[in-house]
Amino acid sequence: MLINIITIVMISSSEVNSPSLFQSIIKLLRWDKPAGRLILMIPALWAVFFASMGKPPLVLVGIIILGSLATSAAGCVINDLWDRNIDNQVERTKKRPLASRALSVKVGIIVFIISLTCAAGLAFYLNSLSFWLCVASVPVIICYPLAKRVFPIPQLVLSIAWGFAVLISWSAVTGNLTFNTWVLWGATITWTMGFDTIYAMADKPDDLKMGINSSAIFFGDFVEDAVGLFFALTAGLFAYLGSFNNFNLFFGVTWAIAVIMWVAQYLALQKSNQESVNYGQIFSQNVWIGFILLLGIIFGIR
């Protein structure tokens, strides 16, 4: 990833003297906000440890981690390129480097190409099924930012993009996709719908003003219940995986902790004074939930 920054600095000579260039690229890649990077990595790690019965090759784990970082970096940049004239009208995003014009579109495109190239290079280490799943994920990643303009629930498109992390990682271990793969994929879809709808709730006033779609707007007065339903479905799918794969008690404990945290989040969203709800904090809590469930998978497989 450091190669990304070095290359951009060398290519973009017109901006190289800017003292904030390095910081702006870090912000463009969202490396200053690790929660969003980790939350993509988690489903990939769920899959690689589950498919390998808790003992994946360390080299493969490294490739999965680096691949998720490169892919999420590319996703962040293409999102900001598409939305640079929208983000500058939203309070939460108006200071993003492309929206604020701290970086040029040229630099953004260079960062995107290099990030995607890094991800592609890592994909060549995988088997053919995993490689082609990586290829299939690219159009979804590129088109996701456009979904909010034409599709009423753009978070579903993001969830499908997130789901590729499970399919790619699982097939990288086994060379195929099983019923368990699709159950874990489903859990990833519903979990992502839950936490990203929470994320969208923070932007709802701005999105309404600009006519941008989101799941927070689509579900309207029932948005909190929709989030609760998504988390309940996630819990149910994980319960199925644990039960029918004979996971031990440790997994049951981690599952119970995750459920308690999801219930607490649902109750927090039910507050009558929505301005007091810290949506960013609730979103970040899901990173911890994801890692708790990951520990359950690693140490819960018999």
C-alpha atoms as a PDB file:
ATOM      1  CA  MET A   1       0.000   0.000   0.000  1.00  0.00           C
ATOM      2  CA  LEU A   2       2.896   2.386   0.607  1.00  0.00           C
ATOM      3  CA  ILE A   3       3.714   1.972  -3.072  1.00  0.00           C
ATOM      4  CA  ASN A   4       0.371   3.647  -3.819  1.00  0.00           C
ATOM      5  CA  ILE A   5       1.381   6.802  -2.012  1.00  0.00           C
ATOM      6  CA  ILE A   6       4.936   6.907  -3.362  1.00  0.00           C
ATOM      7  CA  THR A   7       3.748   6.445  -6.944  1.00  0.00           C
ATOM      8  CA  ILE A   8       1.108   9.131  -6.646  1.00  0.00           C
ATOM      9  CA  VAL A   9       3.611  11.600  -5.226  1.00  0.00           C
ATOM     10  CA  MET A  10       5.994  10.907  -8.124  1.00  0.00           C
ATOM     11  CA  ILE A  11       3.318  11.161 -10.819  1.00  0.00           C
ATOM     12  CA  SER A  12       1.446  14.173  -9.490  1.00  0.00           C
ATOM     13  CA  SER A  13       4.294  16.679  -9.694  1.00  0.00           C
ATOM     14  CA  SER A  14       1.916  19.638  -9.728  1.00  0.00           C
ATOM     15  CA  GLU A  15       0.754  18.754  -6.245  1.00  0.00           C
ATOM     16  CA  VAL A  16       3.860  17.185  -4.752  1.00  0.00           C
ATOM     17  CA  ASN A  17       4.864  20.350  -2.879  1.00  0.00           C
ATOM     18  CA  SER A  18       1.584  20.483  -1.017  1.00  0.00           C
ATOM     19  CA  PRO A  19       2.282  19.731   2.671  1.00  0.00           C
ATOM     20  CA  SER A  20      -1.142  18.145   3.045  1.00  0.00           C
ATOM     21  CA  LEU A  21      -0.858  15.763   0.087  1.00  0.00           C
ATOM     22  CA  PHE A  22       0.133  12.772   2.188  1.00  0.00           C
ATOM     23  CA  GLN A  23      -2.635  13.421   4.744  1.00  0.00           C
ATOM     24  CA  SER A  24      -5.193  13.930   1.968  1.00  0.00           C
ATOM     25  CA  ILE A  25      -4.327  10.591   0.357  1.00  0.00           C
ATOM     26  CA  ILE A  26      -4.593   8.870   3.735  1.00  0.00           C
ATOM     27  CA  LYS A  27      -8.063  10.379   4.126  1.00  0.00           C
ATOM     28  CA  LEU A  28      -9.024   9.420   0.578  1.00  0.00           C
ATOM     29  CA  LEU A  29      -8.123   5.800   1.334  1.00  0.00           C
ATOM     30  CA  ARG A  30      -9.948   6.135   4.700  1.00  0.00           C
ATOM     31  CA  TRP A  31      -6.875   4.843   6.540  1.00  0.00           C
ATOM     32  CA  ASP A  32      -7.622   7.489   9.153  1.00  0.00           C
ATOM     33  CA  LYS A  33     -10.894   5.640   9.863  1.00  0.00           C
ATOM     34  CA  PRO A  34      -9.954   1.966  10.272  1.00  0.00           C
ATOM     35  CA  ALA A  35     -13.426   0.806  11.326  1.00  0.00           C
ATOM     36  CA  GLY A  36     -14.669   0.843   7.748  1.00  0.00           C
ATOM     37  CA  ARG A  37     -11.648  -1.138   6.550  1.00  0.00           C
ATOM     38  CA  LEU A  38     -11.894  -3.729   9.306  1.00  0.00           C
ATOM     39  CA  ILE A  39     -15.613  -4.257   8.838  1.00  0.00           C
ATOM     40  CA  LEU A  40     -14.990  -5.434   5.251  1.00  0.00           C
ATOM     41  CA  MET A  41     -12.140  -7.679   6.340  1.00  0.00           C
ATOM     42  CA  ILE A  42     -14.246  -9.448   8.977  1.00  0.00           C
ATOM     43  CA  PRO A  43     -16.573 -11.481   6.664  1.00  0.00           C
ATOM     44  CA  ALA A  44     -13.521 -12.537   4.636  1.00  0.00           C
ATOM     45  CA  LEU A  45     -11.869 -13.816   7.820  1.00  0.00           C
ATOM     46  CA  TRP A  46     -15.104 -15.502   8.930  1.00  0.00           C
ATOM     47  CA  ALA A  47     -15.079 -17.458   5.675  1.00  0.00           C
ATOM     48  CA  VAL A  48     -11.387 -18.361   5.535  1.00  0.00           C
ATOM     49  CA  PHE A  49     -11.366 -19.692   9.124  1.00  0.00           C
ATOM     50  CA  PHE A  50     -14.727 -21.458   8.806  1.00  0.00           C
ATOM     51  CA  ALA A  51     -13.861 -23.143   5.500  1.00  0.00           C
ATOM     52  CA  SER A  52     -10.490 -24.319   6.840  1.00  0.00           C
ATOM     53  CA  MET A  53     -11.939 -25.584  10.148  1.00  0.00           C
ATOM     54  CA  GLY A  54     -10.056 -22.915  12.067  1.00  0.00           C
ATOM     55  CA  LYS A  55      -6.636 -23.648  10.567  1.00  0.00           C
ATOM     56  CA  PRO A  56      -6.124 -21.693   7.344  1.00  0.00           C
ATOM     57  CA  PRO A  57      -2.693 -21.355   5.717  1.00  0.00           C
ATOM     58  CA  LEU A  58      -1.067 -18.212   7.104  1.00  0.00           C
ATOM     59  CA  VAL A  59      -0.052 -17.094   3.613  1.00  0.00           C
ATOM     60  CA  LEU A  60      -3.680 -17.225   2.515  1.00  0.00           C
ATOM     61  CA  VAL A  61      -4.771 -15.225   5.568  1.00  0.00           C
ATOM     62  CA  GLY A  62      -2.187 -12.595   4.658  1.00  0.00           C
ATOM     63  CA  ILE A  63      -3.439 -12.446   1.067  1.00  0.00           C
ATOM     64  CA  ILE A  64      -7.036 -12.113   2.263  1.00  0.00           C
ATOM     65  CA  ILE A  65      -6.130  -9.285   4.662  1.00  0.00           C
ATOM     66  CA  LEU A  66      -4.092  -7.366   2.080  1.00  0.00           C
ATOM     67  CA  GLY A  67      -6.711  -8.017  -0.590  1.00  0.00           C
ATOM     68  CA  SER A  68      -9.515  -6.658   1.560  1.00  0.00           C
ATOM     69  CA  LEU A  69      -7.465  -3.541   2.325  1.00  0.00           C
ATOM     70  CA  ALA A  70      -6.702  -2.937  -1.349  1.00  0.00           C
ATOM     71  CA  THR A  71     -10.294  -3.598  -2.395  1.00  0.00           C
ATOM     72  CA  SER A  72     -11.799  -1.361   0.260  1.00  0.00           C
ATOM     73  CA  ALA A  73      -9.316   1.378  -0.701  1.00  0.00           C
ATOM     74  CA  ALA A  74     -10.417   1.130  -4.331  1.00  0.00           C
ATOM     75  CA  GLY A  75     -14.059   1.159  -3.253  1.00  0.00           C
ATOM     76  CA  CYS A  76     -13.585   4.289  -1.151  1.00  0.00           C
ATOM     77  CA  VAL A  77     -11.842   6.143  -3.952  1.00  0.00           C
ATOM     78  CA  ILE A  78     -14.360   5.276  -6.668  1.00  0.00           C
ATOM     79  CA  ASN A  79     -17.147   6.235  -4.264  1.00  0.00           C
ATOM     80  CA  ASP A  80     -15.556   9.638  -3.706  1.00  0.00           C
ATOM     81  CA  LEU A  81     -14.906  10.146  -7.408  1.00  0.00           C
ATOM     82  CA  TRP A  82     -18.560   9.529  -8.287  1.00  0.00           C
ATOM     83  CA  ASP A  83     -19.857  11.540  -5.330  1.00  0.00           C
ATOM     84  CA  ARG A  84     -17.449  14.477  -5.168  1.00  0.00           C
ATOM     85  CA  ASN A  85     -20.205  16.922  -6.166  1.00  0.00           C
ATOM     86  CA  ILE A  86     -22.641  15.362  -3.694  1.00  0.00           C
ATOM     87  CA  ASP A  87     -20.330  14.871  -0.737  1.00  0.00           C
ATOM     88  CA  ASN A  88     -19.573  18.596  -0.584  1.00  0.00           C
ATOM     89  CA  GLN A  89     -23.249  19.203   0.256  1.00  0.00           C
ATOM     90  CA  VAL A  90     -23.382  16.681   3.116  1.00  0.00           C
ATOM     91  CA  GLU A  91     -22.157  17.695   6.558  1.00  0.00           C
ATOM     92  CA  ARG A  92     -20.457  14.359   7.306  1.00  0.00           C
ATOM     93  CA  THR A  93     -18.623  14.139   3.967  1.00  0.00           C
ATOM     94  CA  LYS A  94     -17.992  17.716   2.833  1.00  0.00           C
ATOM     95  CA  LYS A  95     -14.356  17.630   4.029  1.00  0.00           C
ATOM     96  CA  ARG A  96     -13.416  14.515   2.070  1.00  0.00           C
ATOM     97  CA  PRO A  97     -10.369  15.274  -0.125  1.00  0.00           C
ATOM     98  CA  LEU A  98     -12.131  15.113  -3.500  1.00  0.00           C
ATOM     99  CA  ALA A  99     -15.258  16.876  -2.265  1.00  0.00           C
ATOM    100  CA  SER A 100     -13.240  19.702  -0.713  1.00  0.00           C
ATOM    101  CA  ARG A 101     -10.897  19.796  -3.752  1.00  0.00           C
ATOM    102  CA  ALA A 102      -7.894  19.082  -1.524  1.00  0.00           C
ATOM    103  CA  LEU A 103      -7.034  16.464  -4.159  1.00  0.00           C
ATOM    104  CA  SER A 104      -7.633  16.603  -7.882  1.00  0.00           C
ATOM    105  CA  VAL A 105      -9.682  14.114  -9.870  1.00  0.00           C
ATOM    106  CA  LYS A 106      -6.431  13.060 -11.580  1.00  0.00           C
ATOM    107  CA  VAL A 107      -4.883  11.979  -8.297  1.00  0.00           C
ATOM    108  CA  GLY A 108      -8.101  10.204  -7.336  1.00  0.00           C
ATOM    109  CA  ILE A 109      -8.069   8.199 -10.561  1.00  0.00           C
ATOM    110  CA  ILE A 110      -4.397   7.290 -10.079  1.00  0.00           C
ATOM    111  CA  VAL A 111      -5.060   6.100  -6.515  1.00  0.00           C
ATOM    112  CA  PHE A 112      -8.032   4.043  -7.708  1.00  0.00           C
ATOM    113  CA  ILE A 113      -6.070   2.375 -10.523  1.00  0.00           C
ATOM    114  CA  ILE A 114      -3.141   1.517  -8.262  1.00  0.00           C
ATOM    115  CA  SER A 115      -5.410   0.191  -5.486  1.00  0.00           C
ATOM    116  CA  LEU A 116      -7.315  -1.970  -7.954  1.00  0.00           C
ATOM    117  CA  THR A 117      -4.047  -3.168  -9.485  1.00  0.00           C
ATOM    118  CA  CYS A 118      -2.781  -4.206  -6.045  1.00  0.00           C
ATOM    119  CA  ALA A 119      -6.011  -6.145  -5.448  1.00  0.00           C
ATOM    120  CA  ALA A 120      -5.737  -7.776  -8.885  1.00  0.00           C
ATOM    121  CA  GLY A 121      -2.143  -8.785  -8.257  1.00  0.00           C
ATOM    122  CA  LEU A 122      -3.140 -10.539  -5.044  1.00  0.00           C
ATOM    123  CA  ALA A 123      -6.044 -12.258  -6.821  1.00  0.00           C
ATOM    124  CA  PHE A 124      -3.560 -14.107  -9.066  1.00  0.00           C
ATOM    125  CA  TYR A 125      -2.389 -16.024  -5.976  1.00  0.00           C
ATOM    126  CA  LEU A 126      -5.871 -17.542  -5.619  1.00  0.00           C
ATOM    127  CA  ASN A 127      -7.446 -20.491  -7.442  1.00  0.00           C
ATOM    128  CA  SER A 128      -9.465 -19.978 -10.618  1.00  0.00           C
ATOM    129  CA  LEU A 129     -12.898 -19.863  -8.935  1.00  0.00           C
ATOM    130  CA  SER A 130     -11.749 -17.290  -6.410  1.00  0.00           C
ATOM    131  CA  PHE A 131     -10.035 -15.266  -9.133  1.00  0.00           C
ATOM    132  CA  TRP A 132     -13.169 -15.048 -11.265  1.00  0.00           C
ATOM    133  CA  LEU A 133     -15.248 -14.161  -8.231  1.00  0.00           C
ATOM    134  CA  CYS A 134     -12.814 -11.281  -7.698  1.00  0.00           C
ATOM    135  CA  VAL A 135     -13.412 -10.220 -11.298  1.00  0.00           C
ATOM    136  CA  ALA A 136     -17.189 -10.467 -10.838  1.00  0.00           C
ATOM    137  CA  SER A 137     -17.028  -8.226  -7.782  1.00  0.00           C
ATOM    138  CA  VAL A 138     -15.400  -5.315  -9.635  1.00  0.00           C
ATOM    139  CA  PRO A 139     -18.520  -4.054 -11.483  1.00  0.00           C
ATOM    140  CA  VAL A 140     -20.473  -4.139  -8.218  1.00  0.00           C
ATOM    141  CA  ILE A 141     -17.778  -2.128  -6.435  1.00  0.00           C
ATOM    142  CA  ILE A 142     -17.566   0.415  -9.254  1.00  0.00           C
ATOM    143  CA  CYS A 143     -21.334   0.807  -9.672  1.00  0.00           C
ATOM    144  CA  TYR A 144     -22.327   0.858  -5.993  1.00  0.00           C
ATOM    145  CA  PRO A 145     -21.915   4.645  -5.627  1.00  0.00           C
ATOM    146  CA  LEU A 146     -24.293   5.139  -8.566  1.00  0.00           C
ATOM    147  CA  ALA A 147     -26.976   2.981  -6.958  1.00  0.00           C
ATOM    148  CA  LYS A 148     -28.117   5.755  -4.623  1.00  0.00           C
ATOM    149  CA  ARG A 149     -29.201   7.741  -7.677  1.00  0.00           C
ATOM    150  CA  VAL A 150     -31.435   5.083  -9.239  1.00  0.00           C
ATOM    151  CA  PHE A 151     -32.094   2.290  -6.709  1.00  0.00           C
ATOM    152  CA  PRO A 152     -34.260   2.769  -3.607  1.00  0.00           C
ATOM    153  CA  ILE A 153     -32.095   0.571  -1.355  1.00  0.00           C
ATOM    154  CA  PRO A 154     -28.448   1.211  -2.364  1.00  0.00           C
ATOM    155  CA  GLN A 155     -27.268  -0.420   0.872  1.00  0.00           C
ATOM    156  CA  LEU A 156     -28.348  -3.739  -0.644  1.00  0.00           C
ATOM    157  CA  VAL A 157     -25.850  -3.231  -3.476  1.00  0.00           C
ATOM    158  CA  LEU A 158     -23.129  -2.548  -0.907  1.00  0.00           C
ATOM    159  CA  SER A 159     -24.184  -5.674   1.000  1.00  0.00           C
ATOM    160  CA  ILE A 160     -23.805  -7.767  -2.152  1.00  0.00           C
ATOM    161  CA  ALA A 161     -20.346  -6.264  -2.680  1.00  0.00           C
ATOM    162  CA  TRP A 162     -19.510  -7.165   0.945  1.00  0.00           C
ATOM    163  CA  GLY A 163     -20.824 -10.681   0.336  1.00  0.00           C
ATOM    164  CA  PHE A 164     -18.157 -11.318  -2.290  1.00  0.00           C
ATOM    165  CA  ALA A 165     -15.619 -11.292   0.552  1.00  0.00           C
ATOM    166  CA  VAL A 166     -17.216 -14.500   1.848  1.00  0.00           C
ATOM    167  CA  LEU A 167     -17.450 -16.202  -1.536  1.00  0.00           C
ATOM    168  CA  ILE A 168     -13.885 -15.332  -2.536  1.00  0.00           C
ATOM    169  CA  SER A 169     -12.321 -16.322   0.772  1.00  0.00           C
ATOM    170  CA  TRP A 170     -14.283 -19.565   1.169  1.00  0.00           C
ATOM    171  CA  SER A 171     -13.523 -20.736  -2.361  1.00  0.00           C
ATOM    172  CA  ALA A 172      -9.861 -19.795  -1.868  1.00  0.00           C
ATOM    173  CA  VAL A 173      -9.713 -22.503   0.813  1.00  0.00           C
ATOM    174  CA  THR A 174     -11.920 -25.216  -0.673  1.00  0.00           C
ATOM    175  CA  GLY A 175     -12.091 -24.501  -4.394  1.00  0.00           C
ATOM    176  CA  ASN A 176     -15.893 -24.657  -4.252  1.00  0.00           C
ATOM    177  CA  LEU A 177     -18.986 -23.134  -2.633  1.00  0.00           C
ATOM    178  CA  THR A 178     -21.170 -25.156  -0.270  1.00  0.00           C
ATOM    179  CA  PHE A 179     -24.478 -24.641   1.482  1.00  0.00           C
ATOM    180  CA  ASN A 180     -22.616 -23.336   4.529  1.00  0.00           C
ATOM    181  CA  THR A 181     -20.952 -20.762   2.273  1.00  0.00           C
ATOM    182  CA  TRP A 182     -24.295 -19.355   1.207  1.00  0.00           C
ATOM    183  CA  VAL A 183     -25.618 -19.290   4.778  1.00  0.00           C
ATOM    184  CA  LEU A 184     -22.554 -17.290   5.830  1.00  0.00           C
ATOM    185  CA  TRP A 185     -23.025 -15.113   2.745  1.00  0.00           C
ATOM    186  CA  GLY A 186     -26.631 -14.489   3.805  1.00  0.00           C
ATOM    187  CA  ALA A 187     -25.508 -13.564   7.322  1.00  0.00           C
ATOM    188  CA  THR A 188     -23.039 -11.103   5.832  1.00  0.00           C
ATOM    189  CA  ILE A 189     -25.755  -9.550   3.646  1.00  0.00           C
ATOM    190  CA  THR A 190     -28.184  -9.059   6.547  1.00  0.00           C
ATOM    191  CA  TRP A 191     -25.462  -7.841   8.931  1.00  0.00           C
ATOM    192  CA  THR A 192     -24.260  -5.302   6.369  1.00  0.00           C
ATOM    193  CA  MET A 193     -27.818  -4.144   5.714  1.00  0.00           C
ATOM    194  CA  GLY A 194     -28.197  -3.584   9.444  1.00  0.00           C
ATOM    195  CA  PHE A 195     -25.046  -1.604  10.189  1.00  0.00           C
ATOM    196  CA  ASP A 196     -25.055   0.344   6.906  1.00  0.00           C
ATOM    197  CA  THR A 197     -28.674   1.376   7.393  1.00  0.00           C
ATOM    198  CA  ILE A 198     -27.584   2.766  10.770  1.00  0.00           C
ATOM    199  CA  TYR A 199     -24.789   4.600   8.956  1.00  0.00           C
ATOM    200  CA  ALA A 200     -27.322   5.981   6.465  1.00  0.00           C
ATOM    201  CA  MET A 201     -29.554   7.282   9.253  1.00  0.00           C
ATOM    202  CA  ALA A 202     -26.942   9.922  10.070  1.00  0.00           C
ATOM    203  CA  ASP A 203     -27.156  11.293   6.508  1.00  0.00           C
ATOM    204  CA  LYS A 204     -30.928  11.091   6.142  1.00  0.00           C
ATOM    205  CA  PRO A 205     -31.658  14.864   6.363  1.00  0.00           C
ATOM    206  CA  ASP A 206     -29.018  15.690   3.730  1.00  0.00           C
ATOM    207  CA  ASP A 207     -30.060  12.811   1.470  1.00  0.00           C
ATOM    208  CA  LEU A 208     -33.682  13.943   1.553  1.00  0.00           C
ATOM    209  CA  LYS A 209     -32.705  17.472   0.534  1.00  0.00           C
ATOM    210  CA  MET A 210     -30.683  16.212  -2.433  1.00  0.00           C
ATOM    211  CA  GLY A 211     -33.099  13.480  -3.500  1.00  0.00           C
ATOM    212  CA  ILE A 212     -30.579  10.709  -2.818  1.00  0.00           C
ATOM    213  CA  ASN A 213     -31.870   7.217  -2.030  1.00  0.00           C
ATOM    214  CA  SER A 214     -30.962   5.212   1.066  1.00  0.00           C
ATOM    215  CA  SER A 215     -32.380   2.365   3.117  1.00  0.00           C
ATOM    216  CA  ALA A 216     -32.903   4.825   5.990  1.00  0.00           C
ATOM    217  CA  ILE A 217     -35.290   6.769   3.754  1.00  0.00           C
ATOM    218  CA  PHE A 218     -36.856   3.685   2.147  1.00  0.00           C
ATOM    219  CA  PHE A 219     -37.914   2.129   5.457  1.00  0.00           C
ATOM    220  CA  GLY A 220     -39.170   5.464   6.762  1.00  0.00           C
ATOM    221  CA  ASP A 221     -40.800   5.285  10.189  1.00  0.00           C
ATOM    222  CA  PHE A 222     -39.962   1.579  10.386  1.00  0.00           C
ATOM    223  CA  VAL A 223     -36.222   1.990   9.879  1.00  0.00           C
ATOM    224  CA  GLU A 224     -35.327   1.040  13.471  1.00  0.00           C
ATOM    225  CA  ASP A 225     -37.454  -2.098  13.202  1.00  0.00           C
ATOM    226  CA  ALA A 226     -35.828  -2.921   9.854  1.00  0.00           C
ATOM    227  CA  VAL A 227     -32.388  -2.703  11.478  1.00  0.00           C
ATOM    228  CA  GLY A 228     -33.606  -4.932  14.305  1.00  0.00           C
ATOM    229  CA  LEU A 229     -34.934  -7.449  11.778  1.00  0.00           C
ATOM    230  CA  PHE A 230     -31.643  -7.509   9.852  1.00  0.00           C
ATOM    231  CA  PHE A 231     -29.697  -8.179  13.033  1.00  0.00           C
ATOM    232  CA  ALA A 232     -32.205 -10.833  14.109  1.00  0.00           C
ATOM    233  CA  LEU A 233     -31.786 -12.601  10.756  1.00  0.00           C
ATOM    234  CA  THR A 234     -28.003 -12.415  11.132  1.00  0.00           C
ATOM    235  CA  ALA A 235     -28.226 -13.939  14.599  1.00  0.00           C
ATOM    236  CA  GLY A 236     -30.512 -16.674  13.292  1.00  0.00           C
ATOM    237  CA  LEU A 237     -28.192 -17.586  10.427  1.00  0.00           C
ATOM    238  CA  PHE A 238     -25.195 -17.741  12.764  1.00  0.00           C
ATOM    239  CA  ALA A 239     -27.210 -19.869  15.172  1.00  0.00           C
ATOM    240  CA  TYR A 240     -27.916 -22.266  12.310  1.00  0.00           C
ATOM    241  CA  LEU A 241     -24.238 -22.442  11.359  1.00  0.00           C
ATOM    242  CA  GLY A 242     -23.203 -23.080  14.954  1.00  0.00           C
ATOM    243  CA  SER A 243     -25.862 -25.689  15.588  1.00  0.00           C
ATOM    244  CA  PHE A 244     -25.601 -27.729  12.407  1.00  0.00           C
ATOM    245  CA  ASN A 245     -21.798 -27.667  12.352  1.00  0.00           C
ATOM    246  CA  ASN A 246     -21.474 -28.765  15.984  1.00  0.00           C
ATOM    247  CA  PHE A 247     -19.637 -25.681  17.188  1.00  0.00           C
ATOM    248  CA  ASN A 248     -18.728 -25.831  20.864  1.00  0.00           C
ATOM    249  CA  LEU A 249     -19.917 -23.746  23.808  1.00  0.00           C
ATOM    250  CA  PHE A 250     -17.357 -21.020  23.181  1.00  0.00           C
ATOM    251  CA  PHE A 251     -19.101 -20.136  19.922  1.00  0.00           C
ATOM    252  CA  GLY A 252     -22.416 -20.066  21.799  1.00  0.00           C
ATOM    253  CA  VAL A 253     -20.995 -17.543  24.267  1.00  0.00           C
ATOM    254  CA  THR A 254     -19.693 -15.267  21.525  1.00  0.00           C
ATOM    255  CA  TRP A 255     -23.015 -15.560  19.689  1.00  0.00           C
ATOM    256  CA  ALA A 256     -24.875 -14.567  22.859  1.00  0.00           C
ATOM    257  CA  ILE A 257     -22.597 -11.546  23.365  1.00  0.00           C
ATOM    258  CA  ALA A 258     -23.244 -10.451  19.764  1.00  0.00           C
ATOM    259  CA  VAL A 259     -26.998 -10.795  20.221  1.00  0.00           C
ATOM    260  CA  ILE A 260     -26.939  -8.760  23.452  1.00  0.00           C
ATOM    261  CA  MET A 261     -24.995  -6.008  21.699  1.00  0.00           C
ATOM    262  CA  TRP A 262     -27.402  -5.988  18.743  1.00  0.00           C
ATOM    263  CA  VAL A 263     -30.391  -5.764  21.073  1.00  0.00           C
ATOM    264  CA  ALA A 264     -28.730  -2.851  22.887  1.00  0.00           C
ATOM    265  CA  GLN A 265     -28.177  -1.110  19.549  1.00  0.00           C
ATOM    266  CA  TYR A 266     -31.800  -1.637  18.540  1.00  0.00           C
ATOM    267  CA  LEU A 267     -32.992  -0.164  21.829  1.00  0.00           C
ATOM    268  CA  ALA A 268     -30.621   2.803  21.421  1.00  0.00           C
ATOM    269  CA  LEU A 269     -32.108   3.517  18.001  1.00  0.00           C
ATOM    270  CA  GLN A 270     -35.589   3.572  19.557  1.00  0.00           C
ATOM    271  CA  LYS A 271     -34.823   6.761  21.514  1.00  0.00           C
ATOM    272  CA  SER A 272     -37.476   9.413  20.996  1.00  0.00           C
ATOM    273  CA  ASN A 273     -34.764  12.073  20.730  1.00  0.00           C
ATOM    274  CA  GLN A 274     -32.940  10.877  17.617  1.00  0.00           C
ATOM    275  CA  GLU A 275     -30.449  13.735  17.796  1.00  0.00           C
ATOM    276  CA  SER A 276     -28.919  12.088  20.870  1.00  0.00           C
ATOM    277  CA  VAL A 277     -28.222   8.846  19.005  1.00  0.00           C
ATOM    278  CA  ASN A 278     -24.561   8.390  18.068  1.00  0.00           C
ATOM    279  CA  TYR A 279     -24.899   6.521  14.790  1.00  0.00           C
ATOM    280  CA  GLY A 280     -21.149   6.452  14.193  1.00  0.00           C
ATOM    281  CA  GLN A 281     -20.545   4.802  17.557  1.00  0.00           C
ATOM    282  CA  ILE A 282     -23.193   2.150  16.908  1.00  0.00           C
ATOM    283  CA  PHE A 283     -21.644   1.470  13.495  1.00  0.00           C
ATOM    284  CA  SER A 284     -18.186   1.075  15.079  1.00  0.00           C
ATOM    285  CA  GLN A 285     -19.560  -1.332  17.692  1.00  0.00           C
ATOM    286  CA  ASN A 286     -20.328  -3.725  14.857  1.00  0.00           C
ATOM    287  CA  VAL A 287     -16.598  -4.046  14.196  1.00  0.00           C
ATOM    288  CA  TRP A 288     -16.232  -5.459  17.711  1.00  0.00           C
ATOM    289  CA  ILE A 289     -19.248  -7.703  17.168  1.00  0.00           C
ATOM    290  CA  GLY A 290     -17.674  -9.023  13.973  1.00  0.00           C
ATOM    291  CA  PHE A 291     -14.404  -9.840  15.703  1.00  0.00           C
ATOM    292  CA  ILE A 292     -16.222 -11.471  18.626  1.00  0.00           C
ATOM    293  CA  LEU A 293     -18.010 -13.770  16.173  1.00  0.00           C
ATOM    294  CA  LEU A 294     -14.686 -14.409  14.430  1.00  0.00           C
ATOM    295  CA  LEU A 295     -13.217 -15.620  17.714  1.00  0.00           C
ATOM    296  CA  GLY A 296     -16.261 -17.835  18.095  1.00  0.00           C
ATOM    297  CA  ILE A 297     -15.596 -19.405  14.696  1.00  0.00           C
ATOM    298  CA  ILE A 298     -11.849 -19.843  15.312  1.00  0.00           C
ATOM    299  CA  PHE A 299     -12.172 -21.438  18.740  1.00  0.00           C
ATOM    300  CA  GLY A 300     -15.657 -22.889  18.372  1.00  0.00           C
ATOM    301  CA  ILE A 301     -14.969 -25.413  15.623  1.00  0.00           C
ATOM    302  CA  ARG A 302     -14.706 -28.877  17.088  1.00  0.00           C
END
